[in-house]
Amino acid sequence: MSHYAISVTSREQAGLVEVAAPEALGANQIRGRTVCTLISPGTELACNYTGEDFPNFPGYAAVFAATETGAEVRGVAEGDLLFCMGGHRSFQQVETCAARPVPAGLPPEKAVLARLMGVSMTTLMTTTARPGERVLITGAGPVGYLAAQMFALSGYEVLVAEPDAKRRRYIVQSGIPNVLDRVPAEDTDIAGTLALVVECSGHEQAVLEACRMVRRRGEVVLVGVPWRRHTEIFAHELLSLVFHNYVVLRSGWEWELPRQATDFNPRSIHTGFDTALRWLADGRIRTEGLITQTDPRDAQQAYQDLLHRRAQGLFTVFDWTRLETAGARKVPGQ
């Protein structure tokens, strides 16, 4: 049996390659056939597709169907659908504690979005802002779109700032009416009233404007990674706002939380995934018309479409079941 993975072989060149079989199954491990994997555009475009180290193997969100379990694994049967932080490959093999059951009836292509929900779930779990207070999301890409829905679902008054008209329309269609084309720094009814800004664009101008918008001791959380410099802003301008406005400016990197919960720390990356999967299964996160499924053999086209803003919807998912029904199309090595 052949095994495959998507590899970025050189700058802006991706394709499906044959890889070695998985290593021997551990006693507490689960192995399975990949059903789908989700592209995380920010990370995969910046670090993998246009990065510096090649070849590399991107991906960190997968749903797979269990085919084998280790001797000490309990409660997992062959065919069970599981979510994990797995790469773009035709098989997954993970420790039992790293796999979360996909709720019955939840389509795999929706379940895999739990990974991107986890990016801002950490902020939702750690913020000092409380339900009923105003929260601004800057940037309505995949992560920002999901963050807006999660905070609205949790009882916050959510505003979204996004320059792209199509993305603003997606937010409105999700049921959030307060959508702006830019941060409303001149609006005295909003400026100085925000308990939290969840900055999802990675753009330093948005960070600077966010520091003008929050109330005293308000939080500005950097969820979007500042992959590169966009402006000529001086650090002094930002520091002055932080100091004089009493801004709490902090990283929103999700790994502030441990992977697994403990008795005295019940919040974790994986409990966040459980919550995300439950909300998705309950239909509380709107995704209609926003997921594009594609063949892993078309990885190059998928990344090009994302890089040049041609992708349909917000989420691009590789459907690995298409390799099983390849028909006339061949995979590497055949």
C-alpha atoms as a PDB file:
ATOM      1  CA  MET A   1       0.000   0.000   0.000  1.00  0.00           C
ATOM      2  CA  SER A   2       1.360   3.420  -0.961  1.00  0.00           C
ATOM      3  CA  HIS A   3       1.281   6.469   1.315  1.00  0.00           C
ATOM      4  CA  TYR A   4       1.264  10.109   0.244  1.00  0.00           C
ATOM      5  CA  ALA A   5       1.790  13.599   1.623  1.00  0.00           C
ATOM      6  CA  ILE A   6       1.743  17.127   0.280  1.00  0.00           C
ATOM      7  CA  SER A   7       5.217  18.617   0.150  1.00  0.00           C
ATOM      8  CA  VAL A   8       6.419  22.112  -0.673  1.00  0.00           C
ATOM      9  CA  THR A   9       9.482  21.199  -2.709  1.00  0.00           C
ATOM     10  CA  SER A  10      10.696  24.743  -3.443  1.00  0.00           C
ATOM     11  CA  ARG A  11       9.392  28.279  -3.154  1.00  0.00           C
ATOM     12  CA  GLU A  12       5.780  28.379  -4.411  1.00  0.00           C
ATOM     13  CA  GLN A  13       5.932  24.783  -5.635  1.00  0.00           C
ATOM     14  CA  ALA A  14       3.776  22.151  -3.926  1.00  0.00           C
ATOM     15  CA  GLY A  15       2.706  18.667  -4.907  1.00  0.00           C
ATOM     16  CA  LEU A  16       1.728  15.210  -3.773  1.00  0.00           C
ATOM     17  CA  VAL A  17       4.688  12.920  -3.071  1.00  0.00           C
ATOM     18  CA  GLU A  18       5.004   9.314  -1.985  1.00  0.00           C
ATOM     19  CA  VAL A  19       6.264   8.883   1.589  1.00  0.00           C
ATOM     20  CA  ALA A  20       7.375   6.007   3.790  1.00  0.00           C
ATOM     21  CA  ALA A  21       4.889   3.847   5.642  1.00  0.00           C
ATOM     22  CA  PRO A  22       4.111   4.901   9.224  1.00  0.00           C
ATOM     23  CA  GLU A  23       6.329   3.599  12.001  1.00  0.00           C
ATOM     24  CA  ALA A  24       5.260   0.711  14.229  1.00  0.00           C
ATOM     25  CA  LEU A  25       2.070   1.446  16.142  1.00  0.00           C
ATOM     26  CA  GLY A  26       2.608   2.301  19.815  1.00  0.00           C
ATOM     27  CA  ALA A  27       0.511   0.839  22.604  1.00  0.00           C
ATOM     28  CA  ASN A  28      -1.365   4.122  23.127  1.00  0.00           C
ATOM     29  CA  GLN A  29      -1.549   5.181  19.503  1.00  0.00           C
ATOM     30  CA  ILE A  30      -4.267   5.268  16.857  1.00  0.00           C
ATOM     31  CA  ARG A  31      -3.639   4.952  13.144  1.00  0.00           C
ATOM     32  CA  GLY A  32      -6.114   5.814  10.445  1.00  0.00           C
ATOM     33  CA  ARG A  33      -6.937   6.776   6.893  1.00  0.00           C
ATOM     34  CA  THR A  34      -7.132  10.540   6.380  1.00  0.00           C
ATOM     35  CA  VAL A  35     -10.528  11.833   5.312  1.00  0.00           C
ATOM     36  CA  CYS A  36      -9.669  15.526   5.016  1.00  0.00           C
ATOM     37  CA  THR A  37      -7.111  18.138   6.047  1.00  0.00           C
ATOM     38  CA  LEU A  38      -7.466  21.907   6.364  1.00  0.00           C
ATOM     39  CA  ILE A  39      -5.080  24.505   4.974  1.00  0.00           C
ATOM     40  CA  SER A  40      -4.149  27.182   7.509  1.00  0.00           C
ATOM     41  CA  PRO A  41      -3.417  29.996   5.036  1.00  0.00           C
ATOM     42  CA  GLY A  42      -1.457  32.326   7.294  1.00  0.00           C
ATOM     43  CA  THR A  43       0.999  29.743   8.574  1.00  0.00           C
ATOM     44  CA  GLU A  44       1.265  27.593   5.471  1.00  0.00           C
ATOM     45  CA  LEU A  45       1.730  30.433   3.012  1.00  0.00           C
ATOM     46  CA  ALA A  46       4.239  32.345   5.144  1.00  0.00           C
ATOM     47  CA  CYS A  47       6.212  29.468   6.662  1.00  0.00           C
ATOM     48  CA  ASN A  48       5.852  26.692   4.111  1.00  0.00           C
ATOM     49  CA  TYR A  49       4.837  27.842   0.639  1.00  0.00           C
ATOM     50  CA  THR A  50       6.884  31.060   0.515  1.00  0.00           C
ATOM     51  CA  GLY A  51       9.329  30.118   3.251  1.00  0.00           C
ATOM     52  CA  GLU A  52      13.042  29.374   3.144  1.00  0.00           C
ATOM     53  CA  ASP A  53      13.498  25.717   4.106  1.00  0.00           C
ATOM     54  CA  PHE A  54      12.642  23.094   1.496  1.00  0.00           C
ATOM     55  CA  PRO A  55      11.327  20.516   1.145  1.00  0.00           C
ATOM     56  CA  ASN A  56       8.779  20.841   3.924  1.00  0.00           C
ATOM     57  CA  PHE A  57       5.533  19.093   4.795  1.00  0.00           C
ATOM     58  CA  PRO A  58       2.737  21.494   5.826  1.00  0.00           C
ATOM     59  CA  GLY A  59      -0.537  20.983   7.634  1.00  0.00           C
ATOM     60  CA  TYR A  60      -1.755  20.705  11.220  1.00  0.00           C
ATOM     61  CA  ALA A  61      -5.470  19.889  11.067  1.00  0.00           C
ATOM     62  CA  ALA A  62      -6.961  16.550  10.023  1.00  0.00           C
ATOM     63  CA  VAL A  63      -9.956  14.265  10.371  1.00  0.00           C
ATOM     64  CA  PHE A  64      -9.242  10.563   9.941  1.00  0.00           C
ATOM     65  CA  ALA A  65     -11.058   7.236  10.157  1.00  0.00           C
ATOM     66  CA  ALA A  66      -9.464   4.834  12.640  1.00  0.00           C
ATOM     67  CA  THR A  67      -8.115   1.616  11.125  1.00  0.00           C
ATOM     68  CA  GLU A  68      -5.805   0.303  13.868  1.00  0.00           C
ATOM     69  CA  THR A  69      -5.403   0.883  17.599  1.00  0.00           C
ATOM     70  CA  GLY A  70      -2.592   0.094  20.017  1.00  0.00           C
ATOM     71  CA  ALA A  71      -2.903  -2.594  22.661  1.00  0.00           C
ATOM     72  CA  GLU A  72      -3.796  -0.163  25.450  1.00  0.00           C
ATOM     73  CA  VAL A  73      -6.277   1.989  23.515  1.00  0.00           C
ATOM     74  CA  ARG A  74      -9.860   1.780  24.726  1.00  0.00           C
ATOM     75  CA  GLY A  75     -13.062   3.308  23.406  1.00  0.00           C
ATOM     76  CA  VAL A  76     -12.001   3.670  19.770  1.00  0.00           C
ATOM     77  CA  ALA A  77     -13.422   1.333  17.129  1.00  0.00           C
ATOM     78  CA  GLU A  78     -12.452   0.802  13.514  1.00  0.00           C
ATOM     79  CA  GLY A  79     -14.122   3.432  11.360  1.00  0.00           C
ATOM     80  CA  ASP A  80     -14.522   6.012  14.132  1.00  0.00           C
ATOM     81  CA  LEU A  81     -13.908   9.554  12.903  1.00  0.00           C
ATOM     82  CA  LEU A  82     -11.306  11.471  14.900  1.00  0.00           C
ATOM     83  CA  PHE A  83      -9.882  14.994  14.759  1.00  0.00           C
ATOM     84  CA  CYS A  84      -6.174  15.644  15.319  1.00  0.00           C
ATOM     85  CA  MET A  85      -3.439  18.184  14.615  1.00  0.00           C
ATOM     86  CA  GLY A  86      -2.142  16.155  11.681  1.00  0.00           C
ATOM     87  CA  GLY A  87      -0.432  17.117   8.447  1.00  0.00           C
ATOM     88  CA  HIS A  88      -1.519  16.911   4.831  1.00  0.00           C
ATOM     89  CA  ARG A  89      -0.937  13.196   4.334  1.00  0.00           C
ATOM     90  CA  SER A  90      -2.949  10.095   3.484  1.00  0.00           C
ATOM     91  CA  PHE A  91      -2.623   8.570   6.959  1.00  0.00           C
ATOM     92  CA  GLN A  92      -2.549   9.816  10.547  1.00  0.00           C
ATOM     93  CA  GLN A  93      -0.892   8.186  13.538  1.00  0.00           C
ATOM     94  CA  VAL A  94      -1.245   9.918  16.899  1.00  0.00           C
ATOM     95  CA  GLU A  95      -1.316   9.304  20.624  1.00  0.00           C
ATOM     96  CA  THR A  96      -4.803   8.627  21.938  1.00  0.00           C
ATOM     97  CA  CYS A  97      -4.755  11.824  24.011  1.00  0.00           C
ATOM     98  CA  ALA A  98      -4.126  13.855  20.830  1.00  0.00           C
ATOM     99  CA  ALA A  99      -7.241  12.582  19.021  1.00  0.00           C
ATOM    100  CA  ARG A 100     -10.690  14.007  19.661  1.00  0.00           C
ATOM    101  CA  PRO A 101     -13.887  12.198  18.610  1.00  0.00           C
ATOM    102  CA  VAL A 102     -15.867  13.888  15.867  1.00  0.00           C
ATOM    103  CA  PRO A 103     -19.488  14.267  17.043  1.00  0.00           C
ATOM    104  CA  ALA A 104     -22.016  12.117  15.218  1.00  0.00           C
ATOM    105  CA  GLY A 105     -23.472  13.851  12.191  1.00  0.00           C
ATOM    106  CA  LEU A 106     -20.754  16.505  11.916  1.00  0.00           C
ATOM    107  CA  PRO A 107     -19.273  16.440   8.384  1.00  0.00           C
ATOM    108  CA  PRO A 108     -15.476  15.969   8.428  1.00  0.00           C
ATOM    109  CA  GLU A 109     -14.900  19.080   6.307  1.00  0.00           C
ATOM    110  CA  LYS A 110     -16.600  21.131   9.033  1.00  0.00           C
ATOM    111  CA  ALA A 111     -15.029  19.270  11.956  1.00  0.00           C
ATOM    112  CA  VAL A 112     -11.537  20.133  10.760  1.00  0.00           C
ATOM    113  CA  LEU A 113     -12.302  23.849  11.296  1.00  0.00           C
ATOM    114  CA  ALA A 114     -11.958  23.190  15.031  1.00  0.00           C
ATOM    115  CA  ARG A 115      -8.219  23.691  14.574  1.00  0.00           C
ATOM    116  CA  LEU A 116      -8.596  27.315  13.470  1.00  0.00           C
ATOM    117  CA  MET A 117     -11.212  27.928  16.158  1.00  0.00           C
ATOM    118  CA  GLY A 118      -8.566  26.835  18.641  1.00  0.00           C
ATOM    119  CA  VAL A 119      -6.331  29.733  17.593  1.00  0.00           C
ATOM    120  CA  SER A 120      -8.586  32.318  19.250  1.00  0.00           C
ATOM    121  CA  MET A 121     -10.142  29.921  21.770  1.00  0.00           C
ATOM    122  CA  THR A 122      -7.121  30.565  23.988  1.00  0.00           C
ATOM    123  CA  THR A 123      -7.931  34.293  24.023  1.00  0.00           C
ATOM    124  CA  LEU A 124     -11.566  33.526  24.824  1.00  0.00           C
ATOM    125  CA  MET A 125     -10.410  31.400  27.770  1.00  0.00           C
ATOM    126  CA  THR A 126      -7.845  33.878  29.137  1.00  0.00           C
ATOM    127  CA  THR A 127      -9.236  37.375  28.513  1.00  0.00           C
ATOM    128  CA  THR A 128     -10.329  39.624  31.363  1.00  0.00           C
ATOM    129  CA  ALA A 129     -13.172  40.931  29.158  1.00  0.00           C
ATOM    130  CA  ARG A 130     -16.540  39.586  30.234  1.00  0.00           C
ATOM    131  CA  PRO A 131     -19.730  38.696  28.318  1.00  0.00           C
ATOM    132  CA  GLY A 132     -21.781  41.764  27.463  1.00  0.00           C
ATOM    133  CA  GLU A 133     -18.696  43.910  26.906  1.00  0.00           C
ATOM    134  CA  ARG A 134     -17.532  45.225  23.550  1.00  0.00           C
ATOM    135  CA  VAL A 135     -14.987  43.245  21.555  1.00  0.00           C
ATOM    136  CA  LEU A 136     -13.475  44.284  18.227  1.00  0.00           C
ATOM    137  CA  ILE A 137     -12.079  41.693  15.807  1.00  0.00           C
ATOM    138  CA  THR A 138      -9.605  43.176  13.302  1.00  0.00           C
ATOM    139  CA  GLY A 139      -9.209  41.050  10.189  1.00  0.00           C
ATOM    140  CA  ALA A 140     -11.955  38.674   9.022  1.00  0.00           C
ATOM    141  CA  GLY A 141      -9.926  35.980   7.345  1.00  0.00           C
ATOM    142  CA  PRO A 142     -10.462  32.355   8.422  1.00  0.00           C
ATOM    143  CA  VAL A 143      -9.268  32.904  12.003  1.00  0.00           C
ATOM    144  CA  GLY A 144     -10.982  36.277  12.460  1.00  0.00           C
ATOM    145  CA  TYR A 145     -14.259  35.034  10.984  1.00  0.00           C
ATOM    146  CA  LEU A 146     -14.377  32.150  13.448  1.00  0.00           C
ATOM    147  CA  ALA A 147     -13.250  34.358  16.349  1.00  0.00           C
ATOM    148  CA  ALA A 148     -16.101  36.792  15.668  1.00  0.00           C
ATOM    149  CA  GLN A 149     -18.663  34.009  15.822  1.00  0.00           C
ATOM    150  CA  MET A 150     -17.138  32.460  18.942  1.00  0.00           C
ATOM    151  CA  PHE A 151     -17.157  35.723  20.894  1.00  0.00           C
ATOM    152  CA  ALA A 152     -20.695  36.531  19.749  1.00  0.00           C
ATOM    153  CA  LEU A 153     -21.799  33.048  20.768  1.00  0.00           C
ATOM    154  CA  SER A 154     -20.229  33.633  24.193  1.00  0.00           C
ATOM    155  CA  GLY A 155     -22.306  36.750  24.847  1.00  0.00           C
ATOM    156  CA  TYR A 156     -19.985  39.587  23.829  1.00  0.00           C
ATOM    157  CA  GLU A 157     -21.013  42.609  21.766  1.00  0.00           C
ATOM    158  CA  VAL A 158     -18.876  41.967  18.697  1.00  0.00           C
ATOM    159  CA  LEU A 159     -17.671  44.475  16.106  1.00  0.00           C
ATOM    160  CA  VAL A 160     -15.529  43.481  13.124  1.00  0.00           C
ATOM    161  CA  ALA A 161     -13.153  45.656  11.071  1.00  0.00           C
ATOM    162  CA  GLU A 162     -12.211  44.229   7.659  1.00  0.00           C
ATOM    163  CA  PRO A 163     -11.240  46.153   4.486  1.00  0.00           C
ATOM    164  CA  ASP A 164     -12.286  43.384   2.073  1.00  0.00           C
ATOM    165  CA  ALA A 165     -15.937  43.736   0.995  1.00  0.00           C
ATOM    166  CA  LYS A 166     -16.449  40.030   0.357  1.00  0.00           C
ATOM    167  CA  ARG A 167     -15.218  39.107   3.811  1.00  0.00           C
ATOM    168  CA  ARG A 168     -17.412  41.776   5.379  1.00  0.00           C
ATOM    169  CA  ARG A 169     -20.361  40.198   3.600  1.00  0.00           C
ATOM    170  CA  TYR A 170     -19.485  36.797   5.061  1.00  0.00           C
ATOM    171  CA  ILE A 171     -19.533  38.299   8.554  1.00  0.00           C
ATOM    172  CA  VAL A 172     -22.936  39.905   8.020  1.00  0.00           C
ATOM    173  CA  GLN A 173     -24.309  36.633   6.632  1.00  0.00           C
ATOM    174  CA  SER A 174     -23.089  34.868   9.775  1.00  0.00           C
ATOM    175  CA  GLY A 175     -25.417  37.055  11.845  1.00  0.00           C
ATOM    176  CA  ILE A 176     -23.025  39.746  13.091  1.00  0.00           C
ATOM    177  CA  PRO A 177     -24.305  43.170  11.929  1.00  0.00           C
ATOM    178  CA  ASN A 178     -21.605  45.491  13.296  1.00  0.00           C
ATOM    179  CA  VAL A 179     -19.096  45.290  10.449  1.00  0.00           C
ATOM    180  CA  LEU A 180     -16.788  48.160   9.454  1.00  0.00           C
ATOM    181  CA  ASP A 181     -14.323  48.659   6.624  1.00  0.00           C
ATOM    182  CA  ARG A 182     -11.680  50.017   9.012  1.00  0.00           C
ATOM    183  CA  VAL A 183     -11.016  50.543  12.695  1.00  0.00           C
ATOM    184  CA  PRO A 184     -13.374  53.408  13.712  1.00  0.00           C
ATOM    185  CA  ALA A 185     -10.823  55.500  15.598  1.00  0.00           C
ATOM    186  CA  GLU A 186     -12.795  58.713  14.951  1.00  0.00           C
ATOM    187  CA  ASP A 187     -16.102  57.313  16.258  1.00  0.00           C
ATOM    188  CA  THR A 188     -16.439  58.677  19.797  1.00  0.00           C
ATOM    189  CA  ASP A 189     -19.255  56.238  20.542  1.00  0.00           C
ATOM    190  CA  ILE A 190     -16.826  53.336  20.081  1.00  0.00           C
ATOM    191  CA  ALA A 191     -13.311  54.658  20.744  1.00  0.00           C
ATOM    192  CA  GLY A 192     -12.311  54.119  24.352  1.00  0.00           C
ATOM    193  CA  THR A 193     -15.158  51.671  25.052  1.00  0.00           C
ATOM    194  CA  LEU A 194     -13.670  48.363  23.930  1.00  0.00           C
ATOM    195  CA  ALA A 195     -12.768  45.799  26.555  1.00  0.00           C
ATOM    196  CA  LEU A 196     -10.793  43.738  24.058  1.00  0.00           C
ATOM    197  CA  VAL A 197      -9.410  43.862  20.534  1.00  0.00           C
ATOM    198  CA  VAL A 198      -8.616  40.479  18.991  1.00  0.00           C
ATOM    199  CA  GLU A 199      -6.098  41.420  16.299  1.00  0.00           C
ATOM    200  CA  CYS A 200      -6.235  38.742  13.585  1.00  0.00           C
ATOM    201  CA  SER A 201      -4.613  40.503  10.619  1.00  0.00           C
ATOM    202  CA  GLY A 202      -0.960  40.505  11.670  1.00  0.00           C
ATOM    203  CA  HIS A 203      -0.730  44.118  10.465  1.00  0.00           C
ATOM    204  CA  GLU A 204       1.027  46.585  12.776  1.00  0.00           C
ATOM    205  CA  GLN A 205      -1.254  49.463  11.741  1.00  0.00           C
ATOM    206  CA  ALA A 206      -4.204  47.500  13.114  1.00  0.00           C
ATOM    207  CA  VAL A 207      -2.330  47.004  16.387  1.00  0.00           C
ATOM    208  CA  LEU A 208      -1.608  50.717  16.673  1.00  0.00           C
ATOM    209  CA  GLU A 209      -5.241  51.625  16.007  1.00  0.00           C
ATOM    210  CA  ALA A 210      -6.431  48.980  18.451  1.00  0.00           C
ATOM    211  CA  CYS A 211      -4.399  50.636  21.194  1.00  0.00           C
ATOM    212  CA  ARG A 212      -6.340  53.840  20.512  1.00  0.00           C
ATOM    213  CA  MET A 213      -9.679  52.049  20.750  1.00  0.00           C
ATOM    214  CA  VAL A 214      -9.587  50.087  23.999  1.00  0.00           C
ATOM    215  CA  ARG A 215     -10.710  51.474  27.324  1.00  0.00           C
ATOM    216  CA  ARG A 216      -8.188  51.898  30.111  1.00  0.00           C
ATOM    217  CA  ARG A 217      -6.754  48.500  31.037  1.00  0.00           C
ATOM    218  CA  GLY A 218      -8.382  47.130  27.895  1.00  0.00           C
ATOM    219  CA  GLU A 219      -6.627  44.262  26.149  1.00  0.00           C
ATOM    220  CA  VAL A 220      -5.124  44.119  22.664  1.00  0.00           C
ATOM    221  CA  VAL A 221      -4.329  40.488  21.892  1.00  0.00           C
ATOM    222  CA  LEU A 222      -2.088  39.627  18.940  1.00  0.00           C
ATOM    223  CA  VAL A 223      -3.680  36.534  17.408  1.00  0.00           C
ATOM    224  CA  GLY A 224      -2.544  37.266  13.850  1.00  0.00           C
ATOM    225  CA  VAL A 225       1.169  36.573  13.434  1.00  0.00           C
ATOM    226  CA  PRO A 226       3.229  39.614  12.320  1.00  0.00           C
ATOM    227  CA  TRP A 227       4.996  37.665   9.584  1.00  0.00           C
ATOM    228  CA  ARG A 228       6.450  40.762   7.924  1.00  0.00           C
ATOM    229  CA  ARG A 229       6.588  44.556   8.228  1.00  0.00           C
ATOM    230  CA  HIS A 230       3.847  46.464   6.418  1.00  0.00           C
ATOM    231  CA  THR A 231       4.490  50.082   7.476  1.00  0.00           C
ATOM    232  CA  GLU A 232       7.139  52.532   8.679  1.00  0.00           C
ATOM    233  CA  ILE A 233       5.503  53.008  12.084  1.00  0.00           C
ATOM    234  CA  PHE A 234       7.941  53.840  14.894  1.00  0.00           C
ATOM    235  CA  ALA A 235       7.896  51.797  18.072  1.00  0.00           C
ATOM    236  CA  HIS A 236       7.645  55.043  20.072  1.00  0.00           C
ATOM    237  CA  GLU A 237       4.157  55.717  18.720  1.00  0.00           C
ATOM    238  CA  LEU A 238       2.934  52.324  19.889  1.00  0.00           C
ATOM    239  CA  LEU A 239       4.699  52.545  23.254  1.00  0.00           C
ATOM    240  CA  SER A 240       3.204  55.965  23.929  1.00  0.00           C
ATOM    241  CA  LEU A 241      -0.321  54.633  23.382  1.00  0.00           C
ATOM    242  CA  VAL A 242       0.306  51.584  25.543  1.00  0.00           C
ATOM    243  CA  PHE A 243       1.707  53.706  28.359  1.00  0.00           C
ATOM    244  CA  HIS A 244      -0.761  56.595  28.368  1.00  0.00           C
ATOM    245  CA  ASN A 245      -3.890  54.545  27.627  1.00  0.00           C
ATOM    246  CA  TYR A 246      -2.974  51.821  30.141  1.00  0.00           C
ATOM    247  CA  VAL A 247      -3.248  49.224  27.374  1.00  0.00           C
ATOM    248  CA  VAL A 248      -2.627  45.550  28.087  1.00  0.00           C
ATOM    249  CA  LEU A 249      -0.867  44.469  24.882  1.00  0.00           C
ATOM    250  CA  ARG A 250      -0.061  40.770  24.752  1.00  0.00           C
ATOM    251  CA  SER A 251       0.539  37.775  22.560  1.00  0.00           C
ATOM    252  CA  GLY A 252      -2.438  35.696  21.499  1.00  0.00           C
ATOM    253  CA  TRP A 253      -0.360  32.632  20.667  1.00  0.00           C
ATOM    254  CA  GLU A 254      -2.609  29.688  21.484  1.00  0.00           C
ATOM    255  CA  TRP A 255       0.137  27.702  23.200  1.00  0.00           C
ATOM    256  CA  GLU A 256      -0.247  29.803  26.328  1.00  0.00           C
ATOM    257  CA  LEU A 257      -2.495  26.913  27.391  1.00  0.00           C
ATOM    258  CA  PRO A 258      -1.229  23.368  27.980  1.00  0.00           C
ATOM    259  CA  ARG A 259      -2.164  20.677  25.496  1.00  0.00           C
ATOM    260  CA  GLN A 260      -4.019  18.632  28.108  1.00  0.00           C
ATOM    261  CA  ALA A 261      -6.144  19.665  31.085  1.00  0.00           C
ATOM    262  CA  THR A 262      -5.194  18.854  34.682  1.00  0.00           C
ATOM    263  CA  ASP A 263      -7.134  18.849  37.949  1.00  0.00           C
ATOM    264  CA  PHE A 264      -6.059  22.398  38.760  1.00  0.00           C
ATOM    265  CA  ASN A 265      -5.939  23.699  35.187  1.00  0.00           C
ATOM    266  CA  PRO A 266      -9.092  22.537  33.380  1.00  0.00           C
ATOM    267  CA  ARG A 267      -8.568  24.782  30.359  1.00  0.00           C
ATOM    268  CA  SER A 268      -6.365  23.363  27.623  1.00  0.00           C
ATOM    269  CA  ILE A 269      -5.810  23.194  23.881  1.00  0.00           C
ATOM    270  CA  HIS A 270      -7.741  19.943  23.635  1.00  0.00           C
ATOM    271  CA  THR A 271     -10.675  20.997  25.831  1.00  0.00           C
ATOM    272  CA  GLY A 272     -10.886  23.981  23.482  1.00  0.00           C
ATOM    273  CA  PHE A 273     -11.075  21.587  20.539  1.00  0.00           C
ATOM    274  CA  ASP A 274     -13.866  19.675  22.285  1.00  0.00           C
ATOM    275  CA  THR A 275     -15.834  22.903  22.682  1.00  0.00           C
ATOM    276  CA  ALA A 276     -15.209  23.879  19.062  1.00  0.00           C
ATOM    277  CA  LEU A 277     -16.350  20.478  17.778  1.00  0.00           C
ATOM    278  CA  ARG A 278     -19.492  20.651  19.900  1.00  0.00           C
ATOM    279  CA  TRP A 279     -20.371  24.143  18.643  1.00  0.00           C
ATOM    280  CA  LEU A 280     -19.805  23.039  15.056  1.00  0.00           C
ATOM    281  CA  ALA A 281     -21.956  19.934  15.560  1.00  0.00           C
ATOM    282  CA  ASP A 282     -24.747  22.014  17.091  1.00  0.00           C
ATOM    283  CA  GLY A 283     -24.767  24.302  14.052  1.00  0.00           C
ATOM    284  CA  ARG A 284     -23.823  27.320  16.132  1.00  0.00           C
ATOM    285  CA  ILE A 285     -20.903  28.262  13.859  1.00  0.00           C
ATOM    286  CA  ARG A 286     -22.034  29.330  10.384  1.00  0.00           C
ATOM    287  CA  THR A 287     -19.957  27.822   7.567  1.00  0.00           C
ATOM    288  CA  GLU A 288     -22.455  27.507   4.701  1.00  0.00           C
ATOM    289  CA  GLY A 289     -20.851  28.220   1.336  1.00  0.00           C
ATOM    290  CA  LEU A 290     -17.447  29.007   2.860  1.00  0.00           C
ATOM    291  CA  ILE A 291     -15.683  25.633   2.530  1.00  0.00           C
ATOM    292  CA  THR A 292     -13.984  24.609  -0.721  1.00  0.00           C
ATOM    293  CA  GLN A 293     -12.942  20.964  -1.002  1.00  0.00           C
ATOM    294  CA  THR A 294     -10.177  20.024  -3.414  1.00  0.00           C
ATOM    295  CA  ASP A 295      -8.111  17.033  -4.481  1.00  0.00           C
ATOM    296  CA  PRO A 296      -4.684  16.706  -2.788  1.00  0.00           C
ATOM    297  CA  ARG A 297      -3.211  16.228  -6.264  1.00  0.00           C
ATOM    298  CA  ASP A 298      -4.240  19.827  -6.946  1.00  0.00           C
ATOM    299  CA  ALA A 299      -2.229  21.226  -4.036  1.00  0.00           C
ATOM    300  CA  GLN A 300      -0.234  23.605  -6.231  1.00  0.00           C
ATOM    301  CA  GLN A 301      -3.396  25.201  -7.587  1.00  0.00           C
ATOM    302  CA  ALA A 302      -4.924  25.407  -4.111  1.00  0.00           C
ATOM    303  CA  TYR A 303      -1.929  27.267  -2.670  1.00  0.00           C
ATOM    304  CA  GLN A 304      -1.710  29.568  -5.683  1.00  0.00           C
ATOM    305  CA  ASP A 305      -5.386  30.446  -5.324  1.00  0.00           C
ATOM    306  CA  LEU A 306      -4.877  31.271  -1.655  1.00  0.00           C
ATOM    307  CA  LEU A 307      -1.705  33.251  -2.302  1.00  0.00           C
ATOM    308  CA  HIS A 308      -3.380  35.395  -4.961  1.00  0.00           C
ATOM    309  CA  ARG A 309      -6.769  35.703  -3.201  1.00  0.00           C
ATOM    310  CA  ARG A 310      -8.600  33.640  -5.831  1.00  0.00           C
ATOM    311  CA  ALA A 311      -9.866  30.936  -3.473  1.00  0.00           C
ATOM    312  CA  GLN A 312     -13.609  30.557  -3.091  1.00  0.00           C
ATOM    313  CA  GLY A 313     -15.035  31.068   0.387  1.00  0.00           C
ATOM    314  CA  LEU A 314     -12.764  31.211   3.431  1.00  0.00           C
ATOM    315  CA  PHE A 315     -11.662  27.627   4.051  1.00  0.00           C
ATOM    316  CA  THR A 316      -9.787  25.261   1.724  1.00  0.00           C
ATOM    317  CA  VAL A 317      -9.937  21.576   2.615  1.00  0.00           C
ATOM    318  CA  PHE A 318      -8.104  18.685   0.950  1.00  0.00           C
ATOM    319  CA  ASP A 319     -10.455  15.727   0.395  1.00  0.00           C
ATOM    320  CA  TRP A 320      -8.230  12.647   0.699  1.00  0.00           C
ATOM    321  CA  THR A 321     -11.028  10.244  -0.184  1.00  0.00           C
ATOM    322  CA  ARG A 322     -10.585  11.361  -3.799  1.00  0.00           C
ATOM    323  CA  LEU A 323      -7.335   9.398  -3.950  1.00  0.00           C
ATOM    324  CA  GLU A 324      -9.350   6.235  -3.322  1.00  0.00           C
ATOM    325  CA  THR A 325     -11.551   6.978  -6.343  1.00  0.00           C
ATOM    326  CA  ALA A 326      -8.798   8.328  -8.559  1.00  0.00           C
ATOM    327  CA  GLY A 327     -10.137   6.863 -11.778  1.00  0.00           C
ATOM    328  CA  ALA A 328      -8.032   7.992 -14.711  1.00  0.00           C
ATOM    329  CA  ARG A 329      -6.032  10.444 -12.621  1.00  0.00           C
ATOM    330  CA  LYS A 330      -2.832   9.018 -11.236  1.00  0.00           C
ATOM    331  CA  VAL A 331      -1.010   9.624  -8.000  1.00  0.00           C
ATOM    332  CA  PRO A 332       2.809   9.646  -7.682  1.00  0.00           C
ATOM    333  CA  GLY A 333       4.430   6.274  -8.226  1.00  0.00           C
ATOM    334  CA  GLN A 334       1.575   4.783 -10.244  1.00  0.00           C
END
